[in-house]
Amino acid sequence: LRLSCRASGLTFSNYAMGWFRQAPGKEREFVAAIGWSEDSTYYADSV
């Protein structure tokens, strides 16, 4: 699957973006994040 997230109301290039997920009954957990460019990407070990 491919998820997308469109941002508005901010200067997008000035923001780091992250993806998190939350299963029923569990805490929201980190999945992935990206800095200004794809040279700076970070992932949870599980993904």
ModelCIF file with pLDDT and N, C-alpha, C, O atoms, coordinates in Angstrom:
data_MODEL
#
_entry.id   MODEL 
#
_entity.id                         1 
_entity.type                       polymer 
_entity.pdbx_number_of_molecules   1 
#
_entity_poly.entity_id                      1 
_entity_poly.type                           'polypeptide(L)' 
_entity_poly.nstd_linkage                   no 
_entity_poly.nstd_monomer                   no 
_entity_poly.pdbx_seq_one_letter_code       LRLSCRASGLTFSNYAMGWFRQAPGKEREFVAAIGWSEDSTYYADSV 
_entity_poly.pdbx_seq_one_letter_code_can   LRLSCRASGLTFSNYAMGWFRQAPGKEREFVAAIGWSEDSTYYADSV 
_entity_poly.pdbx_strand_id                 A 
#
loop_
_entity_poly_seq.entity_id 
_entity_poly_seq.num 
_entity_poly_seq.mon_id 
_entity_poly_seq.hetero 
1 1  LEU n 
1 2  ARG n 
1 3  LEU n 
1 4  SER n 
1 5  CYS n 
1 6  ARG n 
1 7  ALA n 
1 8  SER n 
1 9  GLY n 
1 10 LEU n 
1 11 THR n 
1 12 PHE n 
1 13 SER n 
1 14 ASN n 
1 15 TYR n 
1 16 ALA n 
1 17 MET n 
1 18 GLY n 
1 19 TRP n 
1 20 PHE n 
1 21 ARG n 
1 22 GLN n 
1 23 ALA n 
1 24 PRO n 
1 25 GLY n 
1 26 LYS n 
1 27 GLU n 
1 28 ARG n 
1 29 GLU n 
1 30 PHE n 
1 31 VAL n 
1 32 ALA n 
1 33 ALA n 
1 34 ILE n 
1 35 GLY n 
1 36 TRP n 
1 37 SER n 
1 38 GLU n 
1 39 ASP n 
1 40 SER n 
1 41 THR n 
1 42 TYR n 
1 43 TYR n 
1 44 ALA n 
1 45 ASP n 
1 46 SER n 
1 47 VAL n 
#
_struct_asym.id          A 
_struct_asym.entity_id   1 
#
loop_
_ma_qa_metric.id 
_ma_qa_metric.mode 
_ma_qa_metric.name 
_ma_qa_metric.software_group_id 
_ma_qa_metric.type 
1 global pLDDT . pLDDT 
2 local  pLDDT . pLDDT 
#
_ma_qa_metric_global.metric_id      1 
_ma_qa_metric_global.metric_value   96.00 
_ma_qa_metric_global.model_id       1 
_ma_qa_metric_global.ordinal_id     1 
#
loop_
_ma_qa_metric_local.label_asym_id 
_ma_qa_metric_local.label_comp_id 
_ma_qa_metric_local.label_seq_id 
_ma_qa_metric_local.metric_id 
_ma_qa_metric_local.metric_value 
_ma_qa_metric_local.model_id 
_ma_qa_metric_local.ordinal_id 
A LEU 1  2 98.00 1 1  
A ARG 2  2 98.00 1 2  
A LEU 3  2 98.00 1 3  
A SER 4  2 98.00 1 4  
A CYS 5  2 98.00 1 5  
A ARG 6  2 98.00 1 6  
A ALA 7  2 98.00 1 7  
A SER 8  2 98.00 1 8  
A GLY 9  2 97.00 1 9  
A LEU 10 2 97.00 1 10 
A THR 11 2 97.00 1 11 
A PHE 12 2 97.00 1 12 
A SER 13 2 96.00 1 13 
A ASN 14 2 97.00 1 14 
A TYR 15 2 98.00 1 15 
A ALA 16 2 98.00 1 16 
A MET 17 2 98.00 1 17 
A GLY 18 2 98.00 1 18 
A TRP 19 2 98.00 1 19 
A PHE 20 2 98.00 1 20 
A ARG 21 2 98.00 1 21 
A GLN 22 2 98.00 1 22 
A ALA 23 2 97.00 1 23 
A PRO 24 2 93.00 1 24 
A GLY 25 2 95.00 1 25 
A LYS 26 2 97.00 1 26 
A GLU 27 2 97.00 1 27 
A ARG 28 2 98.00 1 28 
A GLU 29 2 98.00 1 29 
A PHE 30 2 98.00 1 30 
A VAL 31 2 98.00 1 31 
A ALA 32 2 98.00 1 32 
A ALA 33 2 98.00 1 33 
A ILE 34 2 98.00 1 34 
A GLY 35 2 94.00 1 35 
A TRP 36 2 84.00 1 36 
A SER 37 2 80.00 1 37 
A GLU 38 2 78.00 1 38 
A ASP 39 2 85.00 1 39 
A SER 40 2 94.00 1 40 
A THR 41 2 97.00 1 41 
A TYR 42 2 97.00 1 42 
A TYR 43 2 98.00 1 43 
A ALA 44 2 98.00 1 44 
A ASP 45 2 98.00 1 45 
A SER 46 2 97.00 1 46 
A VAL 47 2 98.00 1 47 
#
loop_
_atom_site.group_PDB 
_atom_site.id 
_atom_site.type_symbol 
_atom_site.label_atom_id 
_atom_site.label_alt_id 
_atom_site.label_comp_id 
_atom_site.label_asym_id 
_atom_site.label_entity_id 
_atom_site.label_seq_id 
_atom_site.pdbx_PDB_ins_code 
_atom_site.Cartn_x 
_atom_site.Cartn_y 
_atom_site.Cartn_z 
_atom_site.occupancy 
_atom_site.B_iso_or_equiv 
_atom_site.pdbx_formal_charge 
_atom_site.auth_seq_id 
_atom_site.auth_comp_id 
_atom_site.auth_asym_id 
_atom_site.auth_atom_id 
_atom_site.pdbx_PDB_model_num 
ATOM 1   N N  . LEU A 1 1  ? 0.858  -1.182 0.000  1.00 98.00 ? 1  LEU A N  1 
ATOM 2   C CA . LEU A 1 1  ? 0.000  0.000  0.000  1.00 98.00 ? 1  LEU A CA 1 
ATOM 3   C C  . LEU A 1 1  ? 0.890  1.227  0.000  1.00 98.00 ? 1  LEU A C  1 
ATOM 4   O O  . LEU A 1 1  ? 2.030  1.192  0.465  1.00 98.00 ? 1  LEU A O  1 
ATOM 5   N N  . ARG A 1 2  ? 0.346  2.316  -0.533 1.00 98.00 ? 2  ARG A N  1 
ATOM 6   C CA . ARG A 1 2  ? 1.076  3.576  -0.528 1.00 98.00 ? 2  ARG A CA 1 
ATOM 7   C C  . ARG A 1 2  ? 0.213  4.629  0.148  1.00 98.00 ? 2  ARG A C  1 
ATOM 8   O O  . ARG A 1 2  ? -0.900 4.914  -0.295 1.00 98.00 ? 2  ARG A O  1 
ATOM 9   N N  . LEU A 1 3  ? 0.726  5.194  1.205  1.00 98.00 ? 3  LEU A N  1 
ATOM 10  C CA . LEU A 1 3  ? 0.043  6.265  1.912  1.00 98.00 ? 3  LEU A CA 1 
ATOM 11  C C  . LEU A 1 3  ? 0.633  7.606  1.494  1.00 98.00 ? 3  LEU A C  1 
ATOM 12  O O  . LEU A 1 3  ? 1.834  7.729  1.250  1.00 98.00 ? 3  LEU A O  1 
ATOM 13  N N  . SER A 1 4  ? -0.229 8.597  1.420  1.00 98.00 ? 4  SER A N  1 
ATOM 14  C CA . SER A 1 4  ? 0.211  9.953  1.128  1.00 98.00 ? 4  SER A CA 1 
ATOM 15  C C  . SER A 1 4  ? -0.354 10.896 2.177  1.00 98.00 ? 4  SER A C  1 
ATOM 16  O O  . SER A 1 4  ? -1.389 10.632 2.788  1.00 98.00 ? 4  SER A O  1 
ATOM 17  N N  . CYS A 1 5  ? 0.349  11.992 2.366  1.00 98.00 ? 5  CYS A N  1 
ATOM 18  C CA . CYS A 1 5  ? -0.111 13.019 3.302  1.00 98.00 ? 5  CYS A CA 1 
ATOM 19  C C  . CYS A 1 5  ? 0.174  14.372 2.655  1.00 98.00 ? 5  CYS A C  1 
ATOM 20  O O  . CYS A 1 5  ? 1.315  14.696 2.325  1.00 98.00 ? 5  CYS A O  1 
ATOM 21  N N  . ARG A 1 6  ? -0.874 15.137 2.485  1.00 98.00 ? 6  ARG A N  1 
ATOM 22  C CA . ARG A 1 6  ? -0.716 16.458 1.873  1.00 98.00 ? 6  ARG A CA 1 
ATOM 23  C C  . ARG A 1 6  ? -0.837 17.514 2.959  1.00 98.00 ? 6  ARG A C  1 
ATOM 24  O O  . ARG A 1 6  ? -1.779 17.499 3.751  1.00 98.00 ? 6  ARG A O  1 
ATOM 25  N N  . ALA A 1 7  ? 0.117  18.425 2.990  1.00 98.00 ? 7  ALA A N  1 
ATOM 26  C CA . ALA A 1 7  ? 0.146  19.469 4.001  1.00 98.00 ? 7  ALA A CA 1 
ATOM 27  C C  . ALA A 1 7  ? -0.256 20.809 3.404  1.00 98.00 ? 7  ALA A C  1 
ATOM 28  O O  . ALA A 1 7  ? 0.017  21.095 2.238  1.00 98.00 ? 7  ALA A O  1 
ATOM 29  N N  . SER A 1 8  ? -0.899 21.609 4.209  1.00 98.00 ? 8  SER A N  1 
ATOM 30  C CA . SER A 1 8  ? -1.241 22.971 3.811  1.00 98.00 ? 8  SER A CA 1 
ATOM 31  C C  . SER A 1 8  ? -1.139 23.871 5.029  1.00 98.00 ? 8  SER A C  1 
ATOM 32  O O  . SER A 1 8  ? -1.203 23.412 6.170  1.00 98.00 ? 8  SER A O  1 
ATOM 33  N N  . GLY A 1 9  ? -0.980 25.165 4.766  1.00 97.00 ? 9  GLY A N  1 
ATOM 34  C CA . GLY A 1 9  ? -0.916 26.129 5.863  1.00 97.00 ? 9  GLY A CA 1 
ATOM 35  C C  . GLY A 1 9  ? 0.447  26.248 6.507  1.00 97.00 ? 9  GLY A C  1 
ATOM 36  O O  . GLY A 1 9  ? 0.582  26.882 7.554  1.00 97.00 ? 9  GLY A O  1 
ATOM 37  N N  . LEU A 1 10 ? 1.464  25.649 5.901  1.00 97.00 ? 10 LEU A N  1 
ATOM 38  C CA . LEU A 1 10 ? 2.822  25.755 6.424  1.00 97.00 ? 10 LEU A CA 1 
ATOM 39  C C  . LEU A 1 10 ? 3.804  25.766 5.261  1.00 97.00 ? 10 LEU A C  1 
ATOM 40  O O  . LEU A 1 10 ? 3.459  25.396 4.139  1.00 97.00 ? 10 LEU A O  1 
ATOM 41  N N  . THR A 1 11 ? 5.032  26.194 5.540  1.00 97.00 ? 11 THR A N  1 
ATOM 42  C CA . THR A 1 11 ? 6.090  26.127 4.535  1.00 97.00 ? 11 THR A CA 1 
ATOM 43  C C  . THR A 1 11 ? 6.688  24.738 4.615  1.00 97.00 ? 11 THR A C  1 
ATOM 44  O O  . THR A 1 11 ? 7.573  24.468 5.426  1.00 97.00 ? 11 THR A O  1 
ATOM 45  N N  . PHE A 1 12 ? 6.192  23.872 3.767  1.00 97.00 ? 12 PHE A N  1 
ATOM 46  C CA . PHE A 1 12 ? 6.424  22.434 3.889  1.00 97.00 ? 12 PHE A CA 1 
ATOM 47  C C  . PHE A 1 12 ? 7.908  22.083 3.960  1.00 97.00 ? 12 PHE A C  1 
ATOM 48  O O  . PHE A 1 12 ? 8.304  21.218 4.742  1.00 97.00 ? 12 PHE A O  1 
ATOM 49  N N  . SER A 1 13 ? 8.721  22.743 3.155  1.00 96.00 ? 13 SER A N  1 
ATOM 50  C CA . SER A 1 13 ? 10.143 22.398 3.098  1.00 96.00 ? 13 SER A CA 1 
ATOM 51  C C  . SER A 1 13 ? 10.879 22.731 4.395  1.00 96.00 ? 13 SER A C  1 
ATOM 52  O O  . SER A 1 13 ? 12.021 22.307 4.579  1.00 96.00 ? 13 SER A O  1 
ATOM 53  N N  . ASN A 1 14 ? 10.250 23.476 5.288  1.00 97.00 ? 14 ASN A N  1 
ATOM 54  C CA . ASN A 1 14 ? 10.858 23.807 6.574  1.00 97.00 ? 14 ASN A CA 1 
ATOM 55  C C  . ASN A 1 14 ? 10.509 22.813 7.672  1.00 97.00 ? 14 ASN A C  1 
ATOM 56  O O  . ASN A 1 14 ? 10.886 22.996 8.830  1.00 97.00 ? 14 ASN A O  1 
ATOM 57  N N  . TYR A 1 15 ? 9.791  21.770 7.306  1.00 98.00 ? 15 TYR A N  1 
ATOM 58  C CA . TYR A 1 15 ? 9.306  20.811 8.296  1.00 98.00 ? 15 TYR A CA 1 
ATOM 59  C C  . TYR A 1 15 ? 9.846  19.414 8.060  1.00 98.00 ? 15 TYR A C  1 
ATOM 60  O O  . TYR A 1 15 ? 9.936  18.945 6.925  1.00 98.00 ? 15 TYR A O  1 
ATOM 61  N N  . ALA A 1 16 ? 10.203 18.759 9.155  1.00 98.00 ? 16 ALA A N  1 
ATOM 62  C CA . ALA A 1 16 ? 10.417 17.319 9.123  1.00 98.00 ? 16 ALA A CA 1 
ATOM 63  C C  . ALA A 1 16 ? 9.045  16.649 9.220  1.00 98.00 ? 16 ALA A C  1 
ATOM 64  O O  . ALA A 1 16 ? 8.133  17.149 9.879  1.00 98.00 ? 16 ALA A O  1 
ATOM 65  N N  . MET A 1 17 ? 8.927  15.523 8.554  1.00 98.00 ? 17 MET A N  1 
ATOM 66  C CA . MET A 1 17 ? 7.647  14.810 8.516  1.00 98.00 ? 17 MET A CA 1 
ATOM 67  C C  . MET A 1 17 ? 7.824  13.400 9.057  1.00 98.00 ? 17 MET A C  1 
ATOM 68  O O  . MET A 1 17 ? 8.843  12.749 8.823  1.00 98.00 ? 17 MET A O  1 
ATOM 69  N N  . GLY A 1 18 ? 6.830  12.951 9.772  1.00 98.00 ? 18 GLY A N  1 
ATOM 70  C CA . GLY A 1 18 ? 6.886  11.606 10.322 1.00 98.00 ? 18 GLY A CA 1 
ATOM 71  C C  . GLY A 1 18 ? 5.599  10.837 10.062 1.00 98.00 ? 18 GLY A C  1 
ATOM 72  O O  . GLY A 1 18 ? 4.539  11.422 9.839  1.00 98.00 ? 18 GLY A O  1 
ATOM 73  N N  . TRP A 1 19 ? 5.714  9.537  10.095 1.00 98.00 ? 19 TRP A N  1 
ATOM 74  C CA . TRP A 1 19 ? 4.558  8.636  10.068 1.00 98.00 ? 19 TRP A CA 1 
ATOM 75  C C  . TRP A 1 19 ? 4.565  7.833  11.362 1.00 98.00 ? 19 TRP A C  1 
ATOM 76  O O  . TRP A 1 19 ? 5.597  7.312  11.784 1.00 98.00 ? 19 TRP A O  1 
ATOM 77  N N  . PHE A 1 20 ? 3.408  7.747  11.974 1.00 98.00 ? 20 PHE A N  1 
ATOM 78  C CA . PHE A 1 20 ? 3.200  6.957  13.172 1.00 98.00 ? 20 PHE A CA 1 
ATOM 79  C C  . PHE A 1 20 ? 1.993  6.058  12.941 1.00 98.00 ? 20 PHE A C  1 
ATOM 80  O O  . PHE A 1 20 ? 1.214  6.287  12.016 1.00 98.00 ? 20 PHE A O  1 
ATOM 81  N N  . ARG A 1 21 ? 1.837  5.048  13.771 1.00 98.00 ? 21 ARG A N  1 
ATOM 82  C CA . ARG A 1 21 ? 0.659  4.194  13.670 1.00 98.00 ? 21 ARG A CA 1 
ATOM 83  C C  . ARG A 1 21 ? 0.180  3.815  15.063 1.00 98.00 ? 21 ARG A C  1 
ATOM 84  O O  . ARG A 1 21 ? 0.945  3.774  16.027 1.00 98.00 ? 21 ARG A O  1 
ATOM 85  N N  . GLN A 1 22 ? -1.107 3.544  15.126 1.00 98.00 ? 22 GLN A N  1 
ATOM 86  C CA . GLN A 1 22 ? -1.716 3.178  16.395 1.00 98.00 ? 22 GLN A CA 1 
ATOM 87  C C  . GLN A 1 22 ? -2.721 2.063  16.177 1.00 98.00 ? 22 GLN A C  1 
ATOM 88  O O  . GLN A 1 22 ? -3.723 2.241  15.484 1.00 98.00 ? 22 GLN A O  1 
ATOM 89  N N  . ALA A 1 23 ? -2.449 0.926  16.768 1.00 97.00 ? 23 ALA A N  1 
ATOM 90  C CA . ALA A 1 23 ? -3.371 -0.202 16.733 1.00 97.00 ? 23 ALA A CA 1 
ATOM 91  C C  . ALA A 1 23 ? -4.313 -0.105 17.924 1.00 97.00 ? 23 ALA A C  1 
ATOM 92  O O  . ALA A 1 23 ? -3.979 0.531  18.924 1.00 97.00 ? 23 ALA A O  1 
ATOM 93  N N  . PRO A 1 24 ? -5.481 -0.726 17.832 1.00 93.00 ? 24 PRO A N  1 
ATOM 94  C CA . PRO A 1 24 ? -6.442 -0.676 18.945 1.00 93.00 ? 24 PRO A CA 1 
ATOM 95  C C  . PRO A 1 24 ? -5.821 -1.158 20.245 1.00 93.00 ? 24 PRO A C  1 
ATOM 96  O O  . PRO A 1 24 ? -5.207 -2.225 20.293 1.00 93.00 ? 24 PRO A O  1 
ATOM 97  N N  . GLY A 1 25 ? -5.982 -0.374 21.288 1.00 95.00 ? 25 GLY A N  1 
ATOM 98  C CA . GLY A 1 25 ? -5.476 -0.762 22.595 1.00 95.00 ? 25 GLY A CA 1 
ATOM 99  C C  . GLY A 1 25 ? -3.994 -0.558 22.788 1.00 95.00 ? 25 GLY A C  1 
ATOM 100 O O  . GLY A 1 25 ? -3.448 -0.923 23.830 1.00 95.00 ? 25 GLY A O  1 
ATOM 101 N N  . LYS A 1 26 ? -3.325 0.023  21.793 1.00 97.00 ? 26 LYS A N  1 
ATOM 102 C CA . LYS A 1 26 ? -1.884 0.220  21.897 1.00 97.00 ? 26 LYS A CA 1 
ATOM 103 C C  . LYS A 1 26 ? -1.538 1.698  21.765 1.00 97.00 ? 26 LYS A C  1 
ATOM 104 O O  . LYS A 1 26 ? -2.348 2.505  21.310 1.00 97.00 ? 26 LYS A O  1 
ATOM 105 N N  . GLU A 1 27 ? -0.329 2.031  22.168 1.00 97.00 ? 27 GLU A N  1 
ATOM 106 C CA . GLU A 1 27 ? 0.117  3.406  22.045 1.00 97.00 ? 27 GLU A CA 1 
ATOM 107 C C  . GLU A 1 27 ? 0.521  3.703  20.608 1.00 97.00 ? 27 GLU A C  1 
ATOM 108 O O  . GLU A 1 27 ? 0.851  2.803  19.836 1.00 97.00 ? 27 GLU A O  1 
ATOM 109 N N  . ARG A 1 28 ? 0.486  4.983  20.269 1.00 98.00 ? 28 ARG A N  1 
ATOM 110 C CA . ARG A 1 28 ? 0.927  5.404  18.947 1.00 98.00 ? 28 ARG A CA 1 
ATOM 111 C C  . ARG A 1 28 ? 2.441  5.224  18.861 1.00 98.00 ? 28 ARG A C  1 
ATOM 112 O O  . ARG A 1 28 ? 3.182  5.660  19.742 1.00 98.00 ? 28 ARG A O  1 
ATOM 113 N N  . GLU A 1 29 ? 2.885  4.578  17.788 1.00 98.00 ? 29 GLU A N  1 
ATOM 114 C CA . GLU A 1 29 ? 4.297  4.267  17.673 1.00 98.00 ? 29 GLU A CA 1 
ATOM 115 C C  . GLU A 1 29 ? 4.900  4.828  16.393 1.00 98.00 ? 29 GLU A C  1 
ATOM 116 O O  . GLU A 1 29 ? 4.225  4.988  15.376 1.00 98.00 ? 29 GLU A O  1 
ATOM 117 N N  . PHE A 1 30 ? 6.179  5.118  16.477 1.00 98.00 ? 30 PHE A N  1 
ATOM 118 C CA . PHE A 1 30 ? 6.922  5.652  15.348 1.00 98.00 ? 30 PHE A CA 1 
ATOM 119 C C  . PHE A 1 30 ? 7.049  4.608  14.242 1.00 98.00 ? 30 PHE A C  1 
ATOM 120 O O  . PHE A 1 30 ? 7.263  3.424  14.501 1.00 98.00 ? 30 PHE A O  1 
ATOM 121 N N  . VAL A 1 31 ? 6.911  5.081  13.001 1.00 98.00 ? 31 VAL A N  1 
ATOM 122 C CA . VAL A 1 31 ? 7.106  4.216  11.842 1.00 98.00 ? 31 VAL A CA 1 
ATOM 123 C C  . VAL A 1 31 ? 8.292  4.710  11.009 1.00 98.00 ? 31 VAL A C  1 
ATOM 124 O O  . VAL A 1 31 ? 9.234  3.961  10.750 1.00 98.00 ? 31 VAL A O  1 
ATOM 125 N N  . ALA A 1 32 ? 8.236  5.976  10.593 1.00 98.00 ? 32 ALA A N  1 
ATOM 126 C CA . ALA A 1 32 ? 9.289  6.519  9.729  1.00 98.00 ? 32 ALA A CA 1 
ATOM 127 C C  . ALA A 1 32 ? 9.271  8.036  9.805  1.00 98.00 ? 32 ALA A C  1 
ATOM 128 O O  . ALA A 1 32 ? 8.257  8.643  10.150 1.00 98.00 ? 32 ALA A O  1 
ATOM 129 N N  . ALA A 1 33 ? 10.402 8.635  9.478  1.00 98.00 ? 33 ALA A N  1 
ATOM 130 C CA . ALA A 1 33 ? 10.489 10.092 9.440  1.00 98.00 ? 33 ALA A CA 1 
ATOM 131 C C  . ALA A 1 33 ? 11.472 10.509 8.361  1.00 98.00 ? 33 ALA A C  1 
ATOM 132 O O  . ALA A 1 33 ? 12.343 9.738  7.958  1.00 98.00 ? 33 ALA A O  1 
ATOM 133 N N  . ILE A 1 34 ? 11.314 11.745 7.902  1.00 98.00 ? 34 ILE A N  1 
ATOM 134 C CA . ILE A 1 34 ? 12.187 12.279 6.871  1.00 98.00 ? 34 ILE A CA 1 
ATOM 135 C C  . ILE A 1 34 ? 12.505 13.731 7.182  1.00 98.00 ? 34 ILE A C  1 
ATOM 136 O O  . ILE A 1 34 ? 11.638 14.503 7.591  1.00 98.00 ? 34 ILE A O  1 
ATOM 137 N N  . GLY A 1 35 ? 13.772 14.084 6.978  1.00 94.00 ? 35 GLY A N  1 
ATOM 138 C CA . GLY A 1 35 ? 14.164 15.466 7.147  1.00 94.00 ? 35 GLY A CA 1 
ATOM 139 C C  . GLY A 1 35 ? 13.857 16.257 5.888  1.00 94.00 ? 35 GLY A C  1 
ATOM 140 O O  . GLY A 1 35 ? 12.851 16.017 5.221  1.00 94.00 ? 35 GLY A O  1 
ATOM 141 N N  . TRP A 1 36 ? 14.726 17.193 5.570  1.00 84.00 ? 36 TRP A N  1 
ATOM 142 C CA . TRP A 1 36 ? 14.441 18.049 4.409  1.00 84.00 ? 36 TRP A CA 1 
ATOM 143 C C  . TRP A 1 36 ? 14.440 17.255 3.105  1.00 84.00 ? 36 TRP A C  1 
ATOM 144 O O  . TRP A 1 36 ? 13.681 17.544 2.181  1.00 84.00 ? 36 TRP A O  1 
ATOM 145 N N  . SER A 1 37 ? 15.308 16.252 3.057  1.00 80.00 ? 37 SER A N  1 
ATOM 146 C CA . SER A 1 37 ? 15.398 15.485 1.813  1.00 80.00 ? 37 SER A CA 1 
ATOM 147 C C  . SER A 1 37 ? 15.507 14.002 2.127  1.00 80.00 ? 37 SER A C  1 
ATOM 148 O O  . SER A 1 37 ? 15.581 13.595 3.286  1.00 80.00 ? 37 SER A O  1 
ATOM 149 N N  . GLU A 1 38 ? 15.515 13.217 1.079  1.00 78.00 ? 38 GLU A N  1 
ATOM 150 C CA . GLU A 1 38 ? 15.575 11.769 1.249  1.00 78.00 ? 38 GLU A CA 1 
ATOM 151 C C  . GLU A 1 38 ? 16.963 11.280 1.643  1.00 78.00 ? 38 GLU A C  1 
ATOM 152 O O  . GLU A 1 38 ? 17.183 10.075 1.764  1.00 78.00 ? 38 GLU A O  1 
ATOM 153 N N  . ASP A 1 39 ? 17.892 12.195 1.842  1.00 85.00 ? 39 ASP A N  1 
ATOM 154 C CA . ASP A 1 39 ? 19.175 11.814 2.436  1.00 85.00 ? 39 ASP A CA 1 
ATOM 155 C C  . ASP A 1 39 ? 19.047 11.613 3.947  1.00 85.00 ? 39 ASP A C  1 
ATOM 156 O O  . ASP A 1 39 ? 19.947 11.068 4.588  1.00 85.00 ? 39 ASP A O  1 
ATOM 157 N N  . SER A 1 40 ? 17.934 12.053 4.502  1.00 94.00 ? 40 SER A N  1 
ATOM 158 C CA . SER A 1 40 ? 17.722 11.969 5.945  1.00 94.00 ? 40 SER A CA 1 
ATOM 159 C C  . SER A 1 40 ? 16.415 11.239 6.208  1.00 94.00 ? 40 SER A C  1 
ATOM 160 O O  . SER A 1 40 ? 15.374 11.868 6.398  1.00 94.00 ? 40 SER A O  1 
ATOM 161 N N  . THR A 1 41 ? 16.466 9.941  6.220  1.00 97.00 ? 41 THR A N  1 
ATOM 162 C CA . THR A 1 41 ? 15.288 9.129  6.497  1.00 97.00 ? 41 THR A CA 1 
ATOM 163 C C  . THR A 1 41 ? 15.587 8.188  7.662  1.00 97.00 ? 41 THR A C  1 
ATOM 164 O O  . THR A 1 41 ? 16.721 7.752  7.860  1.00 97.00 ? 41 THR A O  1 
ATOM 165 N N  . TYR A 1 42 ? 14.546 7.891  8.419  1.00 97.00 ? 42 TYR A N  1 
ATOM 166 C CA . TYR A 1 42 ? 14.687 7.111  9.646  1.00 97.00 ? 42 TYR A CA 1 
ATOM 167 C C  . TYR A 1 42 ? 13.496 6.165  9.739  1.00 97.00 ? 42 TYR A C  1 
ATOM 168 O O  . TYR A 1 42 ? 12.375 6.524  9.379  1.00 97.00 ? 42 TYR A O  1 
ATOM 169 N N  . TYR A 1 43 ? 13.753 4.955  10.224 1.00 98.00 ? 43 TYR A N  1 
ATOM 170 C CA . TYR A 1 43 ? 12.719 3.937  10.250 1.00 98.00 ? 43 TYR A CA 1 
ATOM 171 C C  . TYR A 1 43 ? 12.736 3.189  11.579 1.00 98.00 ? 43 TYR A C  1 
ATOM 172 O O  . TYR A 1 43 ? 13.778 3.022  12.213 1.00 98.00 ? 43 TYR A O  1 
ATOM 173 N N  . ALA A 1 44 ? 11.550 2.748  11.975 1.00 98.00 ? 44 ALA A N  1 
ATOM 174 C CA . ALA A 1 44 ? 11.470 1.796  13.069 1.00 98.00 ? 44 ALA A CA 1 
ATOM 175 C C  . ALA A 1 44 ? 12.061 0.474  12.603 1.00 98.00 ? 44 ALA A C  1 
ATOM 176 O O  . ALA A 1 44 ? 11.964 0.124  11.427 1.00 98.00 ? 44 ALA A O  1 
ATOM 177 N N  . ASP A 1 45 ? 12.663 -0.247 13.513 1.00 98.00 ? 45 ASP A N  1 
ATOM 178 C CA . ASP A 1 45 ? 13.268 -1.532 13.148 1.00 98.00 ? 45 ASP A CA 1 
ATOM 179 C C  . ASP A 1 45 ? 12.239 -2.478 12.537 1.00 98.00 ? 45 ASP A C  1 
ATOM 180 O O  . ASP A 1 45 ? 12.572 -3.291 11.675 1.00 98.00 ? 45 ASP A O  1 
ATOM 181 N N  . SER A 1 46 ? 11.001 -2.373 12.979 1.00 97.00 ? 46 SER A N  1 
ATOM 182 C CA . SER A 1 46 ? 9.954  -3.294 12.531 1.00 97.00 ? 46 SER A CA 1 
ATOM 183 C C  . SER A 1 46 ? 9.582  -3.103 11.066 1.00 97.00 ? 46 SER A C  1 
ATOM 184 O O  . SER A 1 46 ? 8.984  -3.995 10.463 1.00 97.00 ? 46 SER A O  1 
ATOM 185 N N  . VAL A 1 47 ? 9.923  -1.960 10.485 1.00 98.00 ? 47 VAL A N  1 
ATOM 186 C CA . VAL A 1 47 ? 9.538  -1.703 9.094  1.00 98.00 ? 47 VAL A CA 1 
ATOM 187 C C  . VAL A 1 47 ? 10.742 -1.486 8.183  1.00 98.00 ? 47 VAL A C  1 
ATOM 188 O O  . VAL A 1 47 ? 10.576 -1.259 6.984  1.00 98.00 ? 47 VAL A O  1 
#
